[in-house]
Structures are given as structure tokens and as C-alpha cells.
Amino acid sequence: MKSGKIVVVGSSNMDMVVKTDHIPVPGETVLSGSFFMNAGGKGANQAVAVARLGGEVVFISKLGNDLFGKQFSQLFSSEGIDTSHLRFDDERPSGVALITVDKAGENSIVVASGANAYLGDEDIVSALREIESAGIVLLQLEIPLTTVQHVIAYAAERNVKVILNPAPAASLPKEMLAQIDILTPNKTEAGMLAGMEVTDIDSAGRAAKAICNMGVKNVVVTMGPLGAVICDGTNINLVKTREVETVDTTAAGDVFNGALAVALAEGRELEAAVGFACEAAAISVTRLGAQSSIPHRNELVAVQLNFTSPNSVN
């Protein structure tokens, strides 16, 4: 029987956010009076989400040996995250993300990876026992793909459930896809992986089925305000989410993934876990920022009985 421990392997970035009326097109300058910095990075966001939602989490990441790196380490510890496997790079800075958020809450992001791009297999060695004893390993693609492949292969060989959030969008090796228990692309990422355009629930279902046919056991396509489409290779279901007023979608996908891991670690079935994750993500988009938008477990308690049951889609 595996433990409920969740190991998150991924990136940490300092987000520098500008809130403006619209995202500028090439060559355009937009004046805005709203700027703030917030801890982010897909891996860090997911680790914080796991911790705030009640999960036991170990975070493996590489930081610069700089001011941001020290701030990240202190922040993670204050969240109750096991930071014993953080690594510090004396030569490269911590990652930085430049984020523009428009009045509809949509965002545009450019990331300078810094130390994240050098999280290698040698940085994972000391954490292999943590991975082996975990119930779930959660990864993303803001670190080197070779490292992601190494961790997934190691976890899969030891029957540890693997969740991969394939973001930013990238082509993935077929042998790696076959080792993934749950893949969680958004519609853009699902379309890229499946080789088709994803615009609605029906096309999301077709894309999810196509990705399952590549070897992935389960695919969950996140569709923003429409909810999430689940495919187990045979059945395709829709889990709806509630309507909210969107302020900022930054980190919504990360909150979804962290919440999904927590619910699965607690023994929920996939459909119920996706409902839990949809609710957590819905709360996050009503707030500005990445980690500043992540809800705590008590914020979901009142709504957990109101999840929409999955509906079959064609």
C-alpha cells in the first residue's frame, strides 16, 4: 500500500506581473499602473497547492543561490512543504517569469528559466527514496525533458502513480507517454499532442481519446470555464465547473493539478478528484497572482457536496 505522500518535481520562478487593459501586440507599448511580484513557477505553484489543500508534499526543484532563491526556500517551509531536496545553483539565477494580465483575466507569459533549466538527474539522486515511497509523483515541463523522463521511468517501474502536466506545450516521446497514469493538458496542449484543433467539448474528447491511443492511461483535458474532459481510453466524460467572475487565470492549471493529486492521494476516484480540482481552480481565477491565488482546504469544504456528476460526451 503506497503512502499518500506527493512528490512534486518542477520549476520555481519569481513572477513579475503587469495588469493592463489588453495584452500588447508586437511593437505596441501599453501603459499600465498595476505591477506586483509574486512567487510562481509551475512546480512551485503545484507544491503550494498540494500543501494548502491538505496534502503531504515533498518538492524537488533547483533555485539560484540568490535573493529570490532564499525567499522561495523560506516561503515553501512556511507552507509546510518538505524542502530537504531543494538544490541551489551558484552560477545561475533563480527563474523569472514576466506576465501580462488583461482585463478579462487572460495572460501572456515569458519565462527566463535560470536554474530551472539545469535541474538534472544528479539533482534527483538524493530524492529517489522519496519518489519510491510516494503515492503520487507530479511533474510539468519547465525543467529539462530528460529529467522528467528519468523521474517518470523511475516512478513507473516502482508502481508510483505519475501525473504529468504537459506545460508548456511540447512533443513527448511515445515511450514516456506509456508510463504516465494521468496526463493533464489544457486545450492548446491537447491539440498539439493529438495533432488536431481543440475548440469545444467534443473536440477535446476526440483529442483525449487520440492521446490515450498513444499509450497514456488517462487523459484529463482542462477546458477553463467549461470544466474538464476525462478519457480512460474507452469512456469519455465531462466534469463541469461552476461559473465565476474571472480576474486572473495565472496558475489556475497548477492549482487544478495540485488539487487533483491531493484528491487522488486521499483515495477519491478520478471523476470525483477532477471535480475537486475544478472547484479549487475556479476559486483561484477569482484572484490575482500565482501562489497568492491558491485556495486553502477550508475554502473548498462548503462546496465539496455540490460537484456536478460527470456527463458522458460523444
Protein backbone atom coordinates (compact mmCIF):
# COMPACT_ATOMS: atom_id res chain seq x y z
CA MET A 1 0.00 0.00 0.00
CA LYS A 2 1.57 3.26 -1.13
CA SER A 3 1.54 6.31 1.16
CA GLY A 4 -0.43 9.47 0.49
CA LYS A 5 2.78 11.45 0.05
CA ILE A 6 3.00 13.54 -3.12
CA VAL A 7 6.39 14.36 -4.67
CA VAL A 8 6.37 17.40 -6.95
CA VAL A 9 9.32 17.80 -9.32
CA GLY A 10 9.45 21.08 -11.16
CA SER A 11 10.21 24.76 -11.51
CA SER A 12 10.27 27.81 -9.26
CA ASN A 13 10.02 31.34 -10.68
CA MET A 14 9.57 34.85 -9.40
CA ASP A 15 6.56 36.23 -11.28
CA MET A 16 6.67 39.89 -12.29
CA VAL A 17 3.10 40.76 -13.18
CA VAL A 18 1.60 43.74 -15.01
CA LYS A 19 -2.19 44.15 -15.04
CA THR A 20 -3.38 46.03 -18.13
CA ASP A 21 -6.42 46.54 -20.36
CA HIS A 22 -5.10 44.31 -23.12
CA ILE A 23 -2.05 42.24 -23.96
CA PRO A 24 0.13 44.25 -26.38
CA VAL A 25 0.73 43.07 -29.92
CA PRO A 26 4.30 43.11 -31.33
CA GLY A 27 5.60 46.68 -31.49
CA GLU A 28 2.89 48.08 -29.21
CA THR A 29 3.53 49.81 -25.88
CA VAL A 30 0.75 49.75 -23.31
CA LEU A 31 0.78 51.98 -20.24
CA SER A 32 -0.40 50.42 -17.00
CA GLY A 33 -0.29 51.43 -13.37
CA SER A 34 -0.56 47.98 -11.78
CA PHE A 35 2.56 45.92 -11.07
CA PHE A 36 3.44 43.35 -8.43
CA MET A 37 5.79 40.42 -7.81
CA ASN A 38 4.59 37.03 -6.64
CA ALA A 39 6.25 33.66 -6.15
CA GLY A 40 5.37 31.29 -9.00
CA GLY A 41 6.68 28.62 -11.35
CA LYS A 42 4.54 25.65 -12.30
CA GLY A 43 6.25 23.20 -9.97
CA ALA A 44 6.23 25.56 -7.01
CA ASN A 45 2.61 26.53 -7.61
CA GLN A 46 1.58 22.88 -7.65
CA ALA A 47 3.56 22.11 -4.49
CA VAL A 48 1.95 25.04 -2.65
CA ALA A 49 -1.48 23.96 -3.89
CA VAL A 50 -0.91 20.44 -2.53
CA ALA A 51 0.19 21.82 0.84
CA ARG A 52 -2.69 24.30 1.20
CA LEU A 53 -5.24 21.68 0.23
CA GLY A 54 -4.06 19.30 2.93
CA GLY A 55 -1.58 17.04 1.14
CA GLU A 56 1.81 15.84 2.32
CA VAL A 57 4.28 17.18 -0.22
CA VAL A 58 7.99 16.96 -1.00
CA PHE A 59 9.24 19.50 -3.54
CA ILE A 60 12.28 18.87 -5.76
CA SER A 61 13.49 21.99 -7.56
CA LYS A 62 16.61 23.98 -8.44
CA LEU A 63 16.98 27.59 -7.33
CA GLY A 64 19.59 30.25 -7.82
CA ASN A 65 21.77 30.92 -4.80
CA ASP A 66 20.38 34.44 -4.73
CA LEU A 67 17.78 36.61 -3.02
CA PHE A 68 14.84 35.02 -4.83
CA GLY A 69 16.14 31.52 -4.09
CA LYS A 70 16.38 32.27 -0.37
CA GLN A 71 12.90 33.81 -0.39
CA PHE A 72 11.47 30.73 -2.14
CA SER A 73 13.03 28.35 0.36
CA GLN A 74 11.60 30.28 3.31
CA LEU A 75 8.20 30.54 1.66
CA PHE A 76 7.98 26.81 0.93
CA SER A 77 8.94 25.96 4.51
CA SER A 78 6.27 28.33 5.82
CA GLU A 79 3.69 26.46 3.70
CA GLY A 80 4.63 23.15 5.31
CA ILE A 81 6.43 21.80 2.22
CA ASP A 82 9.35 19.41 2.69
CA THR A 83 12.26 21.41 1.22
CA SER A 84 15.05 18.96 2.03
CA HIS A 85 15.56 18.23 -1.69
CA LEU A 86 15.80 21.79 -2.98
CA ARG A 87 19.06 22.41 -4.81
CA PHE A 88 20.90 25.75 -5.15
CA ASP A 89 22.94 26.81 -8.19
CA ASP A 90 25.89 29.13 -7.51
CA GLU A 91 26.30 30.03 -11.19
CA ARG A 92 22.78 30.65 -12.43
CA PRO A 93 19.95 32.85 -11.14
CA SER A 94 16.54 31.75 -9.97
CA GLY A 95 13.89 31.61 -12.68
CA VAL A 96 11.86 34.70 -13.54
CA ALA A 97 8.52 34.99 -15.35
CA LEU A 98 7.23 38.18 -16.99
CA ILE A 99 3.43 38.08 -17.01
CA THR A 100 0.88 40.39 -18.58
CA VAL A 101 -2.74 40.02 -17.45
CA ASP A 102 -5.56 41.70 -19.38
CA LYS A 103 -8.92 42.94 -18.09
CA ALA A 104 -10.59 39.62 -18.99
CA GLY A 105 -8.10 37.75 -16.81
CA GLU A 106 -6.22 36.14 -19.71
CA ASN A 107 -2.43 36.20 -19.58
CA SER A 108 0.73 36.16 -21.66
CA ILE A 109 3.89 34.76 -20.06
CA VAL A 110 7.60 34.79 -20.93
CA VAL A 111 9.91 32.74 -18.69
CA ALA A 112 13.66 33.12 -18.14
CA SER A 113 14.33 29.64 -16.76
CA GLY A 114 17.62 30.28 -14.98
CA ALA A 115 18.50 27.43 -12.59
CA ASN A 116 15.32 25.52 -13.55
CA ALA A 117 16.93 24.59 -16.86
CA TYR A 118 19.73 22.81 -15.01
CA LEU A 119 17.74 20.53 -12.73
CA GLY A 120 19.43 17.31 -13.80
CA ASP A 121 19.43 13.63 -12.95
CA GLU A 122 22.24 14.21 -10.45
CA ASP A 123 19.93 16.55 -8.50
CA ILE A 124 17.30 13.81 -8.24
CA VAL A 125 19.56 11.08 -6.86
CA SER A 126 19.17 12.03 -3.20
CA ALA A 127 15.38 12.08 -3.59
CA LEU A 128 14.92 8.67 -5.21
CA ARG A 129 13.79 7.10 -1.94
CA GLU A 130 11.18 9.84 -1.55
CA ILE A 131 9.89 9.07 -5.06
CA GLU A 132 9.88 5.34 -4.44
CA SER A 133 7.84 5.69 -1.24
CA ALA A 134 5.40 8.25 -2.66
CA GLY A 135 1.80 7.63 -3.64
CA ILE A 136 1.95 10.16 -6.48
CA VAL A 137 4.65 11.97 -8.44
CA LEU A 138 3.55 15.20 -10.14
CA LEU A 139 5.64 16.85 -12.88
CA GLN A 140 5.48 19.60 -15.52
CA LEU A 141 7.71 20.72 -18.41
CA GLU A 142 9.50 23.84 -17.14
CA ILE A 143 12.54 21.67 -16.31
CA PRO A 144 14.66 19.60 -18.75
CA LEU A 145 12.68 16.88 -20.53
CA THR A 146 15.46 14.37 -19.85
CA THR A 147 14.95 14.88 -16.12
CA VAL A 148 11.20 14.49 -16.49
CA GLN A 149 11.72 11.25 -18.42
CA HIS A 150 14.13 9.92 -15.79
CA VAL A 151 11.73 10.60 -12.90
CA ILE A 152 8.71 9.18 -14.75
CA ALA A 153 10.57 5.99 -15.68
CA TYR A 154 11.83 5.52 -12.12
CA ALA A 155 8.37 6.07 -10.62
CA ALA A 156 6.58 3.89 -13.17
CA GLU A 157 8.95 0.98 -12.56
CA ARG A 158 8.02 1.13 -8.87
CA ASN A 159 4.27 1.42 -9.43
CA VAL A 160 4.10 5.01 -8.22
CA LYS A 161 1.22 6.91 -9.87
CA VAL A 162 2.54 9.53 -12.31
CA ILE A 163 0.68 12.73 -13.18
CA LEU A 164 2.24 14.87 -15.91
CA ASN A 165 1.00 18.37 -16.65
CA PRO A 166 2.43 18.81 -20.20
CA ALA A 167 3.02 22.55 -19.95
CA PRO A 168 4.50 24.43 -21.64
CA ALA A 169 3.30 22.53 -24.71
CA ALA A 170 5.91 20.19 -26.21
CA SER A 171 6.19 17.00 -28.22
CA LEU A 172 6.58 13.99 -25.91
CA PRO A 173 8.31 10.65 -26.59
CA LYS A 174 5.89 7.75 -27.08
CA GLU A 175 7.77 5.55 -24.60
CA MET A 176 7.30 8.20 -21.91
CA LEU A 177 3.60 8.61 -22.64
CA ALA A 178 3.09 4.89 -21.98
CA GLN A 179 4.45 5.36 -18.44
CA ILE A 180 2.02 8.14 -17.48
CA ASP A 181 -1.07 7.37 -15.41
CA ILE A 182 -2.75 10.76 -15.87
CA LEU A 183 -1.88 13.44 -18.43
CA THR A 184 -3.48 16.86 -17.82
CA PRO A 185 -3.16 19.11 -20.89
CA ASN A 186 -5.19 22.24 -21.49
CA LYS A 187 -6.94 22.53 -24.84
CA THR A 188 -3.88 24.01 -26.58
CA GLU A 189 -1.56 21.30 -25.28
CA ALA A 190 -4.11 18.57 -26.05
CA GLY A 191 -4.44 19.85 -29.60
CA MET A 192 -0.68 19.85 -30.11
CA LEU A 193 -0.25 16.33 -28.76
CA ALA A 194 -3.21 14.93 -30.70
CA GLY A 195 -2.49 16.82 -33.92
CA MET A 196 -5.91 18.43 -34.09
CA GLU A 197 -7.60 21.68 -33.14
CA VAL A 198 -9.44 21.64 -29.81
CA THR A 199 -12.18 24.25 -29.58
CA ASP A 200 -15.03 22.66 -27.64
CA ILE A 201 -16.02 19.67 -25.51
CA ASP A 202 -16.49 17.31 -28.44
CA SER A 203 -13.09 18.06 -29.97
CA ALA A 204 -11.49 17.82 -26.52
CA GLY A 205 -12.96 14.34 -26.17
CA ARG A 206 -11.59 13.30 -29.56
CA ALA A 207 -8.16 14.68 -28.70
CA ALA A 208 -8.16 12.93 -25.32
CA LYS A 209 -9.04 9.63 -26.98
CA ALA A 210 -6.27 10.11 -29.55
CA ILE A 211 -3.73 10.75 -26.77
CA CYS A 212 -4.90 7.68 -24.86
CA ASN A 213 -4.30 5.69 -28.04
CA MET A 214 -0.66 6.79 -27.79
CA GLY A 215 -0.33 4.86 -24.53
CA VAL A 216 -1.42 7.24 -21.75
CA LYS A 217 -3.73 5.51 -19.28
CA ASN A 218 -5.95 8.52 -18.53
CA VAL A 219 -6.18 11.97 -20.09
CA VAL A 220 -7.84 14.96 -18.43
CA VAL A 221 -8.22 17.96 -20.75
CA THR A 222 -8.83 21.17 -18.79
CA MET A 223 -11.28 23.46 -20.60
CA GLY A 224 -11.39 26.52 -18.35
CA PRO A 225 -14.96 27.61 -17.57
CA LEU A 226 -16.36 24.54 -19.38
CA GLY A 227 -14.79 22.13 -16.87
CA ALA A 228 -12.64 19.14 -17.76
CA VAL A 229 -12.94 16.21 -20.18
CA ILE A 230 -11.76 12.79 -18.95
CA CYS A 231 -10.83 9.82 -21.13
CA ASP A 232 -9.69 6.43 -19.82
CA GLY A 233 -9.09 5.06 -23.30
CA THR A 234 -12.68 3.88 -23.68
CA ASN A 235 -15.08 6.23 -21.91
CA ILE A 236 -15.18 10.00 -22.29
CA ASN A 237 -16.81 12.08 -19.54
CA LEU A 238 -17.25 15.76 -18.79
CA VAL A 239 -16.92 17.19 -15.30
CA LYS A 240 -18.44 20.66 -15.23
CA THR A 241 -17.26 23.57 -13.13
CA ARG A 242 -19.22 26.44 -11.64
CA GLU A 243 -19.36 29.87 -13.23
CA VAL A 244 -17.22 32.54 -11.56
CA GLU A 245 -16.03 36.04 -12.37
CA THR A 246 -12.51 35.63 -13.75
CA VAL A 247 -9.86 38.07 -12.54
CA ASP A 248 -6.63 36.25 -13.45
CA THR A 249 -6.11 32.75 -14.89
CA THR A 250 -2.42 32.61 -13.90
CA ALA A 251 -1.71 29.33 -12.04
CA ALA A 252 -5.25 28.00 -12.48
CA GLY A 253 -3.89 24.91 -14.22
CA ASP A 254 -1.32 24.44 -11.47
CA VAL A 255 -4.00 24.67 -8.79
CA PHE A 256 -6.03 22.10 -10.73
CA ASN A 257 -3.10 19.68 -10.83
CA GLY A 258 -2.18 20.10 -7.19
CA ALA A 259 -5.81 19.61 -6.13
CA LEU A 260 -6.16 16.57 -8.40
CA ALA A 261 -3.11 14.96 -6.77
CA VAL A 262 -4.45 15.64 -3.26
CA ALA A 263 -7.87 14.16 -4.02
CA LEU A 264 -6.36 11.06 -5.62
CA ALA A 265 -3.93 10.61 -2.72
CA GLU A 266 -6.95 10.64 -0.40
CA GLY A 267 -8.46 7.75 -2.33
CA ARG A 268 -11.05 9.51 -4.47
CA GLU A 269 -11.96 8.10 -7.86
CA LEU A 270 -10.71 10.08 -10.85
CA GLU A 271 -14.04 11.77 -11.68
CA ALA A 272 -14.53 12.96 -8.09
CA ALA A 273 -10.91 14.10 -7.92
CA VAL A 274 -11.38 16.13 -11.11
CA GLY A 275 -14.46 17.75 -9.58
CA PHE A 276 -12.42 18.72 -6.53
CA ALA A 277 -9.70 20.11 -8.80
CA CYS A 278 -12.21 22.12 -10.87
CA GLU A 279 -13.53 23.78 -7.73
CA ALA A 280 -10.06 24.70 -6.49
CA ALA A 281 -9.16 26.16 -9.90
CA ALA A 282 -12.44 28.10 -10.04
CA ILE A 283 -11.58 29.78 -6.75
CA SER A 284 -8.06 30.62 -7.94
CA VAL A 285 -9.18 32.53 -11.06
CA THR A 286 -11.14 34.99 -8.92
CA ARG A 287 -7.85 36.30 -7.50
CA LEU A 288 -4.74 38.00 -8.86
CA GLY A 289 -1.38 36.28 -8.96
CA ALA A 290 0.03 32.77 -8.89
CA GLN A 291 0.62 31.47 -5.37
CA SER A 292 -1.36 34.37 -3.93
CA SER A 293 -4.44 32.94 -5.70
CA ILE A 294 -4.17 29.37 -4.37
CA PRO A 295 -7.02 28.46 -2.00
CA HIS A 296 -6.78 26.65 1.33
CA ARG A 297 -8.65 23.45 2.09
CA ASN A 298 -11.27 25.09 4.29
CA GLU A 299 -12.39 27.22 1.33
CA LEU A 300 -13.49 24.09 -0.53
CA VAL A 301 -15.26 22.33 2.33
CA ALA A 302 -18.55 24.19 1.89
CA VAL A 303 -18.82 23.32 -1.80
CA GLN A 304 -17.50 19.76 -1.94
CA LEU A 305 -21.00 18.29 -1.88
CA ASN A 306 -22.08 20.39 -4.85
CA PHE A 307 -19.80 18.96 -7.55
CA THR A 308 -21.50 18.19 -10.85
CA SER A 309 -21.52 14.49 -11.68
CA PRO A 310 -19.65 13.53 -14.84
CA ASN A 311 -21.74 13.60 -18.00
CA SER A 312 -20.95 11.33 -20.93
CA VAL A 313 -19.89 13.12 -24.11
CA ASN A 314 -19.56 11.71 -27.59
